[in-house]
Amino acid sequence: MRSAVDSSFDIAFWFSDTALENNEYLQPQKLHRLLFLAQAYFAVAFEGQKLMPAVFIAEEVGPLEPNIYRAFTRGRPNIEAELFLSIDVESFLENIWRRFGNMSADRLNKLCNGTLAFKKAIKSGARSEITLDEMMLSFTRADNTPAVDQVVKPKLMRTQEGKAVAVAAWNPTRKSSADPSPIGAVHLAPGQRKLEEPRRSARPLDRPGGLGKGGHPRKQFKPFLPK
């Protein structure tokens, strides 16, 4: 199953830019904990799909993505990334930021380091991989983390007609006998089909007017010229 975005840098840059819009410098530790939370909650909400093609490892300070860590060693890297994410992905990230963005790095460390997925990996030694399956199991149980329905709003997918449809959280232990469809399936009316918002190509950061919230370019207004 392919990931929702092409690169982990797409998500890292989104969090960094969102923090700047809120007059906050995003500390490296906080960035990695947000990436970890986003990957875990996305997998739970969308039945095992990866948000990004990332690998998380357990370090004493907490979970981190080693490629992002190396690239950001000297600040934000000069790497081309997708500035315009799909509406579904951006809506999901806004939910993650709304729930965890105001937390300090120390509080996020405590939250992430208390998950079963991290504890199991760190027992195997530093730099041990935290598997996606373990992340899903840990965040589905939600022993030390908010439940997925407390973080992710259900309106993440739309039909061909533009109507919102709910996506249920993945639950490996519960399935209704009256409904043979897979848990978390999107139910559409006859003739409807699920569509993903088309991706838009990246544009230069120095486009006149700059970028607004969510990475979208600000509108440009032409001066009125009398005929």
N, C-alpha and C. Protein backbone atom coordinates (compact mmCIF):
# COMPACT_ATOMS: atom_id res chain seq x y z
N MET A 1 0.85 -1.19 0.00
CA MET A 1 0.00 0.00 0.00
C MET A 1 0.88 1.25 0.00
N ARG A 2 0.67 2.13 -0.96
CA ARG A 2 1.49 3.33 -1.07
C ARG A 2 1.12 4.34 0.00
N SER A 3 2.06 5.20 0.31
CA SER A 3 1.82 6.23 1.32
C SER A 3 1.00 7.37 0.72
N ALA A 4 0.43 8.19 1.59
CA ALA A 4 -0.44 9.28 1.14
C ALA A 4 0.35 10.41 0.49
N VAL A 5 1.60 10.60 0.90
CA VAL A 5 2.46 11.61 0.29
C VAL A 5 3.73 10.94 -0.20
N ASP A 6 4.47 11.63 -1.05
CA ASP A 6 5.64 11.04 -1.68
C ASP A 6 6.88 11.07 -0.80
N SER A 7 6.95 12.00 0.13
CA SER A 7 8.17 12.18 0.91
C SER A 7 7.85 12.62 2.32
N SER A 8 8.68 12.20 3.26
CA SER A 8 8.53 12.63 4.65
C SER A 8 8.77 14.12 4.79
N PHE A 9 9.55 14.70 3.87
CA PHE A 9 9.83 16.13 3.93
C PHE A 9 8.57 16.95 3.67
N ASP A 10 7.62 16.39 2.90
CA ASP A 10 6.35 17.09 2.69
C ASP A 10 5.66 17.37 4.01
N ILE A 11 5.67 16.40 4.90
CA ILE A 11 5.00 16.53 6.19
C ILE A 11 5.84 17.37 7.15
N ALA A 12 7.15 17.17 7.14
CA ALA A 12 8.03 17.94 8.03
C ALA A 12 7.95 19.43 7.71
N PHE A 13 7.96 19.76 6.42
CA PHE A 13 7.87 21.17 6.04
C PHE A 13 6.51 21.75 6.40
N TRP A 14 5.45 20.94 6.30
CA TRP A 14 4.11 21.44 6.64
C TRP A 14 4.06 21.82 8.12
N PHE A 15 4.59 20.96 8.99
CA PHE A 15 4.60 21.27 10.42
C PHE A 15 5.47 22.50 10.71
N SER A 16 6.64 22.58 10.05
CA SER A 16 7.53 23.72 10.28
C SER A 16 6.88 25.02 9.84
N ASP A 17 6.24 25.02 8.67
CA ASP A 17 5.59 26.23 8.17
C ASP A 17 4.40 26.63 9.03
N THR A 18 3.64 25.63 9.48
CA THR A 18 2.49 25.92 10.34
C THR A 18 2.92 26.53 11.66
N ALA A 19 4.02 26.03 12.21
CA ALA A 19 4.55 26.59 13.45
C ALA A 19 4.97 28.05 13.25
N LEU A 20 5.62 28.35 12.13
CA LEU A 20 6.04 29.72 11.86
C LEU A 20 4.84 30.65 11.72
N GLU A 21 3.76 30.16 11.12
CA GLU A 21 2.56 30.96 11.00
C GLU A 21 1.95 31.27 12.35
N ASN A 22 2.26 30.43 13.33
CA ASN A 22 1.78 30.65 14.69
C ASN A 22 2.87 31.26 15.57
N ASN A 23 3.87 31.89 14.91
CA ASN A 23 4.96 32.57 15.61
C ASN A 23 5.71 31.65 16.57
N GLU A 24 5.96 30.44 16.12
CA GLU A 24 6.66 29.46 16.95
C GLU A 24 7.81 28.85 16.16
N TYR A 25 8.96 28.74 16.81
CA TYR A 25 10.06 27.96 16.23
C TYR A 25 9.86 26.51 16.63
N LEU A 26 9.77 25.63 15.66
CA LEU A 26 9.50 24.23 15.93
C LEU A 26 10.80 23.52 16.29
N GLN A 27 10.94 23.17 17.55
CA GLN A 27 12.14 22.48 18.02
C GLN A 27 12.24 21.11 17.35
N PRO A 28 13.47 20.64 17.08
CA PRO A 28 13.65 19.34 16.41
C PRO A 28 12.93 18.20 17.12
N GLN A 29 13.02 18.15 18.46
CA GLN A 29 12.36 17.07 19.18
C GLN A 29 10.85 17.11 18.99
N LYS A 30 10.30 18.31 19.03
CA LYS A 30 8.85 18.44 18.85
C LYS A 30 8.44 18.03 17.44
N LEU A 31 9.25 18.39 16.44
CA LEU A 31 8.96 18.00 15.07
C LEU A 31 8.89 16.49 14.93
N HIS A 32 9.85 15.79 15.51
CA HIS A 32 9.88 14.33 15.37
C HIS A 32 8.72 13.67 16.11
N ARG A 33 8.32 14.22 17.23
CA ARG A 33 7.17 13.63 17.94
C ARG A 33 5.88 13.87 17.16
N LEU A 34 5.75 15.03 16.53
CA LEU A 34 4.56 15.28 15.71
C LEU A 34 4.54 14.36 14.49
N LEU A 35 5.69 14.13 13.89
CA LEU A 35 5.75 13.19 12.76
C LEU A 35 5.34 11.79 13.19
N PHE A 36 5.82 11.38 14.35
CA PHE A 36 5.49 10.06 14.89
C PHE A 36 3.99 9.93 15.15
N LEU A 37 3.42 10.94 15.78
CA LEU A 37 1.99 10.92 16.08
C LEU A 37 1.16 10.93 14.80
N ALA A 38 1.58 11.72 13.83
CA ALA A 38 0.84 11.80 12.57
C ALA A 38 0.85 10.46 11.84
N GLN A 39 2.01 9.82 11.81
CA GLN A 39 2.10 8.52 11.13
C GLN A 39 1.23 7.49 11.82
N ALA A 40 1.25 7.48 13.15
CA ALA A 40 0.49 6.48 13.91
C ALA A 40 -1.01 6.69 13.76
N TYR A 41 -1.47 7.92 13.95
CA TYR A 41 -2.91 8.18 13.87
C TYR A 41 -3.45 7.98 12.44
N PHE A 42 -2.64 8.31 11.46
CA PHE A 42 -3.09 8.11 10.07
C PHE A 42 -3.26 6.62 9.79
N ALA A 43 -2.33 5.80 10.26
CA ALA A 43 -2.42 4.36 10.05
C ALA A 43 -3.65 3.77 10.73
N VAL A 44 -3.97 4.28 11.92
CA VAL A 44 -5.15 3.78 12.63
C VAL A 44 -6.42 4.21 11.91
N ALA A 45 -6.47 5.44 11.47
CA ALA A 45 -7.67 5.97 10.84
C ALA A 45 -7.92 5.39 9.46
N PHE A 46 -6.84 4.99 8.76
CA PHE A 46 -6.99 4.53 7.38
C PHE A 46 -6.49 3.11 7.17
N GLU A 47 -6.74 2.26 8.19
CA GLU A 47 -6.54 0.82 8.07
C GLU A 47 -5.16 0.42 7.57
N GLY A 48 -4.14 1.01 8.17
CA GLY A 48 -2.79 0.58 7.90
C GLY A 48 -2.04 1.36 6.84
N GLN A 49 -2.68 2.34 6.21
CA GLN A 49 -1.97 3.12 5.20
C GLN A 49 -0.98 4.06 5.86
N LYS A 50 0.20 4.18 5.26
CA LYS A 50 1.20 5.13 5.74
C LYS A 50 0.86 6.53 5.28
N LEU A 51 1.06 7.48 6.17
CA LEU A 51 0.95 8.87 5.77
C LEU A 51 2.13 9.25 4.89
N MET A 52 3.32 8.79 5.28
CA MET A 52 4.55 9.13 4.57
C MET A 52 5.48 7.93 4.55
N PRO A 53 6.38 7.84 3.59
CA PRO A 53 7.31 6.72 3.52
C PRO A 53 8.45 6.91 4.51
N ALA A 54 8.14 6.78 5.80
CA ALA A 54 9.11 7.06 6.86
C ALA A 54 9.38 5.82 7.69
N VAL A 55 10.54 5.80 8.33
CA VAL A 55 10.91 4.76 9.28
C VAL A 55 11.24 5.44 10.60
N PHE A 56 10.62 5.01 11.67
CA PHE A 56 10.86 5.61 12.97
C PHE A 56 11.67 4.65 13.83
N ILE A 57 12.65 5.21 14.53
CA ILE A 57 13.48 4.42 15.43
C ILE A 57 13.35 4.97 16.84
N ALA A 58 13.68 4.13 17.81
CA ALA A 58 13.59 4.51 19.22
C ALA A 58 14.95 4.96 19.72
N GLU A 59 15.02 6.19 20.19
CA GLU A 59 16.20 6.72 20.86
C GLU A 59 15.82 7.05 22.30
N GLU A 60 16.82 7.29 23.15
CA GLU A 60 16.54 7.55 24.55
C GLU A 60 15.63 8.76 24.74
N VAL A 61 15.77 9.75 23.84
CA VAL A 61 14.95 10.96 23.97
C VAL A 61 13.54 10.75 23.45
N GLY A 62 13.34 9.73 22.61
CA GLY A 62 12.03 9.47 22.04
C GLY A 62 12.13 8.98 20.60
N PRO A 63 11.00 8.75 19.95
CA PRO A 63 11.01 8.28 18.56
C PRO A 63 11.44 9.39 17.60
N LEU A 64 12.20 9.02 16.60
CA LEU A 64 12.60 9.99 15.58
C LEU A 64 12.72 9.33 14.23
N GLU A 65 12.65 10.15 13.18
CA GLU A 65 12.81 9.69 11.81
C GLU A 65 14.25 10.04 11.41
N PRO A 66 15.13 9.04 11.23
CA PRO A 66 16.56 9.31 11.06
C PRO A 66 16.91 10.13 9.83
N ASN A 67 16.18 9.99 8.75
CA ASN A 67 16.48 10.75 7.55
C ASN A 67 16.16 12.24 7.74
N ILE A 68 15.02 12.51 8.37
CA ILE A 68 14.66 13.88 8.69
C ILE A 68 15.66 14.47 9.68
N TYR A 69 16.06 13.67 10.65
CA TYR A 69 17.02 14.13 11.65
C TYR A 69 18.33 14.54 11.01
N ARG A 70 18.85 13.71 10.11
CA ARG A 70 20.12 14.02 9.46
C ARG A 70 20.00 15.25 8.56
N ALA A 71 18.90 15.35 7.84
CA ALA A 71 18.72 16.46 6.90
C ALA A 71 18.57 17.80 7.61
N PHE A 72 17.95 17.80 8.80
CA PHE A 72 17.69 19.04 9.53
C PHE A 72 18.81 19.38 10.52
N THR A 73 19.94 18.69 10.45
CA THR A 73 21.02 18.92 11.41
C THR A 73 21.47 20.37 11.43
N ARG A 74 21.54 21.00 10.25
CA ARG A 74 21.99 22.39 10.16
C ARG A 74 20.84 23.32 9.77
N GLY A 75 19.67 23.00 10.22
CA GLY A 75 18.51 23.82 9.90
C GLY A 75 17.69 23.22 8.77
N ARG A 76 16.74 23.99 8.32
CA ARG A 76 15.85 23.51 7.26
C ARG A 76 16.64 23.26 5.97
N PRO A 77 16.57 22.05 5.43
CA PRO A 77 17.36 21.75 4.24
C PRO A 77 16.76 22.35 2.98
N ASN A 78 17.61 22.58 2.00
CA ASN A 78 17.16 23.10 0.71
C ASN A 78 16.78 21.93 -0.18
N ILE A 79 15.62 21.38 0.09
CA ILE A 79 15.13 20.19 -0.62
C ILE A 79 13.77 20.51 -1.23
N GLU A 80 13.58 20.11 -2.46
CA GLU A 80 12.29 20.33 -3.11
C GLU A 80 11.25 19.40 -2.50
N ALA A 81 10.14 19.97 -2.11
CA ALA A 81 9.06 19.20 -1.50
C ALA A 81 7.74 19.68 -2.07
N GLU A 82 6.70 18.87 -1.85
CA GLU A 82 5.36 19.20 -2.31
C GLU A 82 4.76 20.23 -1.37
N LEU A 83 4.58 21.44 -1.88
CA LEU A 83 4.05 22.52 -1.05
C LEU A 83 2.53 22.48 -0.93
N PHE A 84 1.86 21.84 -1.88
CA PHE A 84 0.41 21.81 -1.90
C PHE A 84 -0.05 20.37 -1.71
N LEU A 85 -0.43 20.03 -0.50
CA LEU A 85 -0.90 18.68 -0.19
C LEU A 85 -2.37 18.56 -0.55
N SER A 86 -2.83 17.32 -0.67
CA SER A 86 -4.24 17.11 -0.96
C SER A 86 -5.08 17.63 0.21
N ILE A 87 -6.33 17.93 -0.07
CA ILE A 87 -7.22 18.43 0.96
C ILE A 87 -7.37 17.42 2.09
N ASP A 88 -7.44 16.14 1.74
CA ASP A 88 -7.59 15.10 2.76
C ASP A 88 -6.40 15.09 3.72
N VAL A 89 -5.19 15.12 3.17
CA VAL A 89 -3.99 15.08 4.00
C VAL A 89 -3.86 16.35 4.83
N GLU A 90 -4.12 17.50 4.22
CA GLU A 90 -3.99 18.75 4.95
C GLU A 90 -5.02 18.84 6.08
N SER A 91 -6.23 18.36 5.82
CA SER A 91 -7.25 18.34 6.86
C SER A 91 -6.82 17.46 8.02
N PHE A 92 -6.22 16.32 7.70
CA PHE A 92 -5.72 15.42 8.75
C PHE A 92 -4.63 16.10 9.57
N LEU A 93 -3.67 16.73 8.89
CA LEU A 93 -2.56 17.38 9.59
C LEU A 93 -3.05 18.53 10.46
N GLU A 94 -4.06 19.24 10.01
CA GLU A 94 -4.63 20.32 10.82
C GLU A 94 -5.22 19.76 12.11
N ASN A 95 -5.81 18.57 12.04
CA ASN A 95 -6.34 17.94 13.24
C ASN A 95 -5.22 17.58 14.21
N ILE A 96 -4.12 17.05 13.67
CA ILE A 96 -2.97 16.70 14.51
C ILE A 96 -2.40 17.95 15.17
N TRP A 97 -2.24 19.01 14.40
CA TRP A 97 -1.70 20.25 14.95
C TRP A 97 -2.64 20.85 15.98
N ARG A 98 -3.94 20.80 15.72
CA ARG A 98 -4.93 21.36 16.64
C ARG A 98 -4.88 20.63 17.99
N ARG A 99 -4.63 19.33 17.95
CA ARG A 99 -4.63 18.52 19.19
C ARG A 99 -3.29 18.56 19.92
N PHE A 100 -2.18 18.59 19.17
CA PHE A 100 -0.87 18.44 19.80
C PHE A 100 0.06 19.63 19.59
N GLY A 101 -0.29 20.55 18.69
CA GLY A 101 0.62 21.63 18.35
C GLY A 101 0.94 22.57 19.50
N ASN A 102 0.02 22.69 20.45
CA ASN A 102 0.26 23.61 21.57
C ASN A 102 1.01 22.95 22.72
N MET A 103 1.34 21.68 22.59
CA MET A 103 2.07 20.97 23.64
C MET A 103 3.56 21.24 23.52
N SER A 104 4.24 21.25 24.64
CA SER A 104 5.68 21.44 24.65
C SER A 104 6.37 20.17 24.19
N ALA A 105 7.64 20.30 23.86
CA ALA A 105 8.42 19.13 23.45
C ALA A 105 8.50 18.11 24.58
N ASP A 106 8.64 18.58 25.82
CA ASP A 106 8.73 17.67 26.96
C ASP A 106 7.44 16.87 27.14
N ARG A 107 6.31 17.56 26.96
CA ARG A 107 5.03 16.86 27.12
C ARG A 107 4.82 15.84 26.00
N LEU A 108 5.23 16.19 24.79
CA LEU A 108 5.12 15.24 23.67
C LEU A 108 6.07 14.07 23.85
N ASN A 109 7.24 14.34 24.42
CA ASN A 109 8.17 13.24 24.71
C ASN A 109 7.54 12.24 25.67
N LYS A 110 6.94 12.76 26.73
CA LYS A 110 6.30 11.89 27.72
C LYS A 110 5.16 11.10 27.09
N LEU A 111 4.41 11.74 26.21
CA LEU A 111 3.28 11.08 25.56
C LEU A 111 3.75 9.95 24.65
N CYS A 112 4.73 10.26 23.78
CA CYS A 112 5.20 9.26 22.81
C CYS A 112 6.01 8.15 23.47
N ASN A 113 6.83 8.53 24.45
CA ASN A 113 7.67 7.53 25.12
C ASN A 113 6.86 6.60 26.01
N GLY A 114 5.63 6.98 26.30
CA GLY A 114 4.77 6.12 27.11
C GLY A 114 3.98 5.11 26.31
N THR A 115 4.09 5.15 24.98
CA THR A 115 3.35 4.20 24.16
C THR A 115 4.01 2.82 24.18
N LEU A 116 3.21 1.80 24.02
CA LEU A 116 3.74 0.44 24.01
C LEU A 116 4.69 0.21 22.85
N ALA A 117 4.40 0.87 21.73
CA ALA A 117 5.26 0.71 20.56
C ALA A 117 6.67 1.18 20.84
N PHE A 118 6.80 2.34 21.46
CA PHE A 118 8.12 2.86 21.78
C PHE A 118 8.81 2.00 22.84
N LYS A 119 8.08 1.63 23.88
CA LYS A 119 8.67 0.84 24.96
C LYS A 119 9.20 -0.49 24.45
N LYS A 120 8.47 -1.12 23.54
CA LYS A 120 8.92 -2.41 23.01
C LYS A 120 10.18 -2.25 22.18
N ALA A 121 10.24 -1.17 21.39
CA ALA A 121 11.41 -0.96 20.53
C ALA A 121 12.64 -0.59 21.35
N ILE A 122 12.49 0.27 22.35
CA ILE A 122 13.65 0.71 23.11
C ILE A 122 14.23 -0.42 23.95
N LYS A 123 13.41 -1.39 24.29
CA LYS A 123 13.92 -2.56 25.02
C LYS A 123 14.91 -3.35 24.18
N SER A 124 14.77 -3.26 22.86
CA SER A 124 15.70 -3.97 21.97
C SER A 124 16.98 -3.18 21.74
N GLY A 125 17.05 -1.99 22.30
CA GLY A 125 18.24 -1.17 22.16
C GLY A 125 17.98 0.09 21.36
N ALA A 126 18.85 1.08 21.55
CA ALA A 126 18.72 2.33 20.83
C ALA A 126 18.81 2.10 19.33
N ARG A 127 18.09 2.90 18.58
CA ARG A 127 18.00 2.87 17.12
C ARG A 127 17.24 1.65 16.60
N SER A 128 16.49 0.98 17.47
CA SER A 128 15.63 -0.12 17.03
C SER A 128 14.41 0.46 16.34
N GLU A 129 13.96 -0.19 15.27
CA GLU A 129 12.82 0.32 14.51
C GLU A 129 11.51 0.13 15.27
N ILE A 130 10.68 1.15 15.20
CA ILE A 130 9.32 1.08 15.74
C ILE A 130 8.42 0.74 14.55
N THR A 131 7.94 -0.48 14.47
CA THR A 131 7.20 -0.91 13.29
C THR A 131 5.82 -0.25 13.23
N LEU A 132 5.30 -0.14 12.03
CA LEU A 132 3.98 0.46 11.85
C LEU A 132 2.90 -0.39 12.51
N ASP A 133 3.05 -1.70 12.47
CA ASP A 133 2.07 -2.59 13.11
C ASP A 133 2.01 -2.33 14.62
N GLU A 134 3.18 -2.15 15.24
CA GLU A 134 3.21 -1.87 16.67
C GLU A 134 2.62 -0.50 16.98
N MET A 135 2.86 0.45 16.10
CA MET A 135 2.28 1.78 16.27
C MET A 135 0.76 1.70 16.19
N MET A 136 0.25 0.97 15.21
CA MET A 136 -1.20 0.83 15.07
C MET A 136 -1.82 0.18 16.30
N LEU A 137 -1.21 -0.89 16.76
CA LEU A 137 -1.74 -1.61 17.92
C LEU A 137 -1.73 -0.72 19.16
N SER A 138 -0.64 0.01 19.35
CA SER A 138 -0.51 0.86 20.52
C SER A 138 -1.53 2.00 20.51
N PHE A 139 -1.69 2.64 19.35
CA PHE A 139 -2.60 3.81 19.30
C PHE A 139 -4.06 3.38 19.17
N THR A 140 -4.30 2.16 18.76
CA THR A 140 -5.67 1.65 18.77
C THR A 140 -6.13 1.37 20.19
N ARG A 141 -5.23 0.81 20.99
CA ARG A 141 -5.55 0.57 22.40
C ARG A 141 -5.68 1.88 23.17
N ALA A 142 -4.87 2.86 22.79
CA ALA A 142 -4.95 4.21 23.37
C ALA A 142 -4.86 4.19 24.89
N ASP A 143 -3.90 3.42 25.41
CA ASP A 143 -3.73 3.36 26.86
C ASP A 143 -3.19 4.67 27.42
N ASN A 144 -2.25 5.28 26.70
CA ASN A 144 -1.61 6.51 27.19
C ASN A 144 -1.75 7.66 26.21
N THR A 145 -2.53 7.47 25.17
CA THR A 145 -2.71 8.50 24.15
C THR A 145 -4.20 8.72 23.89
N PRO A 146 -4.58 9.90 23.38
CA PRO A 146 -5.99 10.12 23.05
C PRO A 146 -6.46 9.14 21.98
N ALA A 147 -7.72 8.74 22.05
CA ALA A 147 -8.28 7.86 21.04
C ALA A 147 -8.34 8.58 19.71
N VAL A 148 -8.34 7.81 18.62
CA VAL A 148 -8.29 8.41 17.29
C VAL A 148 -9.49 9.32 17.04
N ASP A 149 -10.68 8.97 17.57
CA ASP A 149 -11.85 9.81 17.34
C ASP A 149 -11.81 11.10 18.15
N GLN A 150 -10.86 11.22 19.07
CA GLN A 150 -10.65 12.47 19.80
C GLN A 150 -9.64 13.38 19.11
N VAL A 151 -8.99 12.84 18.08
CA VAL A 151 -7.95 13.58 17.38
C VAL A 151 -8.35 13.89 15.95
N VAL A 152 -8.84 12.87 15.25
CA VAL A 152 -9.13 12.99 13.83
C VAL A 152 -10.62 13.14 13.61
N LYS A 153 -11.01 14.22 12.96
CA LYS A 153 -12.41 14.39 12.61
C LYS A 153 -12.76 13.41 11.50
N PRO A 154 -14.00 12.89 11.49
CA PRO A 154 -14.36 11.88 10.49
C PRO A 154 -14.45 12.40 9.07
N LYS A 155 -14.60 13.72 8.87
CA LYS A 155 -14.80 14.23 7.51
C LYS A 155 -13.45 14.39 6.82
N LEU A 156 -12.99 13.29 6.18
CA LEU A 156 -11.70 13.31 5.51
C LEU A 156 -11.79 12.87 4.06
N MET A 157 -12.89 12.25 3.67
CA MET A 157 -13.05 11.77 2.31
C MET A 157 -14.33 12.37 1.73
N ARG A 158 -14.35 12.51 0.41
CA ARG A 158 -15.53 13.07 -0.25
C ARG A 158 -15.92 12.22 -1.43
N THR A 159 -17.22 12.22 -1.71
CA THR A 159 -17.73 11.49 -2.85
C THR A 159 -17.54 12.31 -4.11
N GLN A 160 -17.94 11.73 -5.25
CA GLN A 160 -17.81 12.42 -6.52
C GLN A 160 -18.62 13.70 -6.54
N GLU A 161 -19.74 13.69 -5.80
CA GLU A 161 -20.59 14.87 -5.75
C GLU A 161 -20.11 15.90 -4.74
N GLY A 162 -19.00 15.59 -4.05
CA GLY A 162 -18.45 16.53 -3.08
C GLY A 162 -19.01 16.37 -1.68
N LYS A 163 -19.85 15.35 -1.45
CA LYS A 163 -20.41 15.14 -0.13
C LYS A 163 -19.40 14.42 0.76
N ALA A 164 -19.30 14.86 2.03
CA ALA A 164 -18.35 14.25 2.96
C ALA A 164 -18.87 12.91 3.44
N VAL A 165 -17.95 11.95 3.59
CA VAL A 165 -18.30 10.64 4.13
C VAL A 165 -17.34 10.34 5.27
N ALA A 166 -17.83 9.66 6.28
CA ALA A 166 -17.02 9.39 7.47
C ALA A 166 -16.13 8.18 7.23
N VAL A 167 -14.93 8.23 7.82
CA VAL A 167 -14.00 7.10 7.79
C VAL A 167 -13.86 6.62 9.22
N ALA A 168 -14.28 5.38 9.47
CA ALA A 168 -14.22 4.84 10.82
C ALA A 168 -12.81 4.42 11.17
N ALA A 169 -12.47 4.46 12.45
CA ALA A 169 -11.14 4.06 12.91
C ALA A 169 -10.96 2.57 12.77
N TRP A 170 -9.73 2.15 12.50
CA TRP A 170 -9.41 0.73 12.38
C TRP A 170 -9.52 0.08 13.74
N ASN A 171 -10.22 -1.03 13.83
CA ASN A 171 -10.38 -1.76 15.08
C ASN A 171 -10.30 -3.24 14.79
N PRO A 172 -9.20 -3.90 15.15
CA PRO A 172 -9.01 -5.31 14.80
C PRO A 172 -9.83 -6.27 15.65
N THR A 173 -10.49 -5.79 16.70
CA THR A 173 -11.19 -6.69 17.61
C THR A 173 -12.69 -6.60 17.51
N ARG A 174 -13.22 -5.71 16.68
CA ARG A 174 -14.67 -5.52 16.64
C ARG A 174 -15.16 -5.50 15.19
N LYS A 175 -16.17 -6.32 14.91
CA LYS A 175 -16.80 -6.31 13.59
C LYS A 175 -18.25 -6.75 13.74
N SER A 176 -19.13 -5.97 13.20
CA SER A 176 -20.56 -6.28 13.33
C SER A 176 -20.93 -7.41 12.39
N SER A 177 -21.66 -8.40 12.89
CA SER A 177 -22.09 -9.51 12.04
C SER A 177 -23.12 -9.07 11.03
N ALA A 178 -23.80 -7.95 11.34
CA ALA A 178 -24.82 -7.47 10.41
C ALA A 178 -24.21 -6.73 9.23
N ASP A 179 -22.96 -6.36 9.36
CA ASP A 179 -22.30 -5.61 8.30
C ASP A 179 -21.05 -6.35 7.88
N PRO A 180 -21.07 -7.07 6.75
CA PRO A 180 -19.93 -7.89 6.33
C PRO A 180 -18.80 -7.07 5.74
N SER A 181 -18.97 -5.78 5.56
CA SER A 181 -17.92 -4.97 4.94
C SER A 181 -16.78 -4.78 5.91
N PRO A 182 -15.56 -4.55 5.43
CA PRO A 182 -14.41 -4.36 6.30
C PRO A 182 -14.59 -3.17 7.23
N ILE A 183 -14.04 -3.29 8.43
CA ILE A 183 -14.12 -2.20 9.38
C ILE A 183 -13.36 -1.02 8.84
N GLY A 184 -13.95 0.15 8.94
CA GLY A 184 -13.30 1.34 8.43
C GLY A 184 -13.63 1.62 6.99
N ALA A 185 -14.48 0.76 6.35
CA ALA A 185 -14.82 0.98 4.95
C ALA A 185 -15.70 2.20 4.81
N VAL A 186 -15.59 2.86 3.70
CA VAL A 186 -16.42 4.02 3.40
C VAL A 186 -17.66 3.54 2.67
N HIS A 187 -18.84 3.85 3.19
CA HIS A 187 -20.09 3.40 2.58
C HIS A 187 -20.62 4.50 1.68
N LEU A 188 -20.79 4.19 0.43
CA LEU A 188 -21.27 5.15 -0.55
C LEU A 188 -22.61 4.70 -1.10
N ALA A 189 -23.40 5.66 -1.51
CA ALA A 189 -24.68 5.36 -2.12
C ALA A 189 -24.45 4.76 -3.51
N PRO A 190 -25.43 4.01 -4.05
CA PRO A 190 -25.28 3.44 -5.39
C PRO A 190 -24.92 4.51 -6.41
N GLY A 191 -23.93 4.21 -7.22
CA GLY A 191 -23.50 5.13 -8.25
C GLY A 191 -22.43 6.09 -7.81
N GLN A 192 -22.15 6.13 -6.50
CA GLN A 192 -21.11 7.01 -6.01
C GLN A 192 -19.79 6.27 -5.96
N ARG A 193 -18.70 6.99 -6.07
CA ARG A 193 -17.38 6.39 -5.94
C ARG A 193 -16.48 7.35 -5.17
N LYS A 194 -15.53 6.79 -4.44
CA LYS A 194 -14.65 7.58 -3.62
C LYS A 194 -13.56 8.20 -4.47
N LEU A 195 -13.36 9.48 -4.30
CA LEU A 195 -12.34 10.18 -5.07
C LEU A 195 -11.38 10.86 -4.11
N GLU A 196 -10.13 10.90 -4.49
CA GLU A 196 -9.15 11.66 -3.74
C GLU A 196 -8.99 13.02 -4.38
N GLU A 197 -8.75 14.01 -3.55
CA GLU A 197 -8.53 15.35 -4.08
C GLU A 197 -7.28 15.35 -4.94
N PRO A 198 -7.32 15.86 -6.15
CA PRO A 198 -6.14 15.86 -7.00
C PRO A 198 -5.01 16.65 -6.39
N ARG A 199 -3.79 16.14 -6.58
CA ARG A 199 -2.60 16.82 -6.08
C ARG A 199 -2.21 17.93 -7.04
N ARG A 200 -1.73 19.01 -6.49
CA ARG A 200 -1.30 20.13 -7.30
C ARG A 200 0.22 20.22 -7.27
N SER A 201 0.78 20.62 -8.35
CA SER A 201 2.22 20.65 -8.46
C SER A 201 2.81 21.71 -7.55
N ALA A 202 4.07 21.46 -7.15
CA ALA A 202 4.76 22.39 -6.27
C ALA A 202 5.07 23.68 -7.02
N ARG A 203 5.12 24.77 -6.28
CA ARG A 203 5.44 26.06 -6.85
C ARG A 203 6.56 26.70 -6.05
N PRO A 204 7.29 27.61 -6.63
CA PRO A 204 8.42 28.21 -5.91
C PRO A 204 7.97 28.94 -4.66
N LEU A 205 8.84 28.92 -3.64
CA LEU A 205 8.52 29.61 -2.40
C LEU A 205 8.54 31.12 -2.58
N ASP A 206 9.31 31.60 -3.59
CA ASP A 206 9.44 33.03 -3.74
C ASP A 206 8.40 33.62 -4.68
N ARG A 207 7.30 32.91 -4.93
CA ARG A 207 6.23 33.47 -5.75
C ARG A 207 5.71 34.73 -5.07
N PRO A 208 5.48 35.82 -5.83
CA PRO A 208 5.02 37.08 -5.23
C PRO A 208 3.79 36.86 -4.36
N GLY A 209 3.81 37.45 -3.19
CA GLY A 209 2.68 37.32 -2.27
C GLY A 209 2.93 36.29 -1.21
N GLY A 210 3.89 35.37 -1.45
CA GLY A 210 4.22 34.38 -0.44
C GLY A 210 3.13 33.35 -0.29
N LEU A 211 3.21 32.59 0.80
CA LEU A 211 2.27 31.52 1.06
C LEU A 211 1.42 31.86 2.26
N GLY A 212 0.17 31.48 2.19
CA GLY A 212 -0.73 31.68 3.31
C GLY A 212 -0.83 30.44 4.15
N LYS A 213 -1.88 30.30 4.93
CA LYS A 213 -2.07 29.16 5.81
C LYS A 213 -2.19 27.89 4.99
N GLY A 214 -1.49 26.84 5.46
CA GLY A 214 -1.56 25.55 4.78
C GLY A 214 -0.73 25.50 3.52
N GLY A 215 0.09 26.52 3.26
CA GLY A 215 0.96 26.49 2.09
C GLY A 215 0.33 27.00 0.82
N HIS A 216 -0.91 27.53 0.90
CA HIS A 216 -1.58 28.02 -0.30
C HIS A 216 -1.13 29.45 -0.61
N PRO A 217 -0.92 29.79 -1.88
CA PRO A 217 -0.48 31.15 -2.22
C PRO A 217 -1.54 32.18 -1.92
N ARG A 218 -1.09 33.32 -1.41
CA ARG A 218 -2.03 34.39 -1.12
C ARG A 218 -2.52 35.00 -2.43
N LYS A 219 -3.75 35.50 -2.40
CA LYS A 219 -4.33 36.09 -3.61
C LYS A 219 -3.60 37.39 -3.96
N GLN A 220 -3.45 37.62 -5.24
CA GLN A 220 -2.85 38.85 -5.71
C GLN A 220 -3.94 39.75 -6.29
N PHE A 221 -3.91 41.02 -5.97
CA PHE A 221 -4.92 41.94 -6.43
C PHE A 221 -4.32 42.92 -7.42
N LYS A 222 -4.91 42.98 -8.60
CA LYS A 222 -4.43 43.88 -9.62
C LYS A 222 -5.00 45.28 -9.39
N PRO A 223 -4.20 46.33 -9.59
CA PRO A 223 -4.72 47.68 -9.39
C PRO A 223 -5.76 48.02 -10.43
N PHE A 224 -6.72 48.85 -10.04
CA PHE A 224 -7.78 49.25 -10.96
C PHE A 224 -7.23 50.28 -11.94
N LEU A 225 -7.39 50.02 -13.21
CA LEU A 225 -6.92 50.91 -14.24
C LEU A 225 -8.12 51.44 -15.01
N PRO A 226 -8.35 52.75 -14.99
CA PRO A 226 -9.53 53.29 -15.72
C PRO A 226 -9.32 53.15 -17.21
N LYS A 227 -10.43 52.93 -17.90
CA LYS A 227 -10.36 52.79 -19.36
C LYS A 227 -10.19 54.16 -20.02
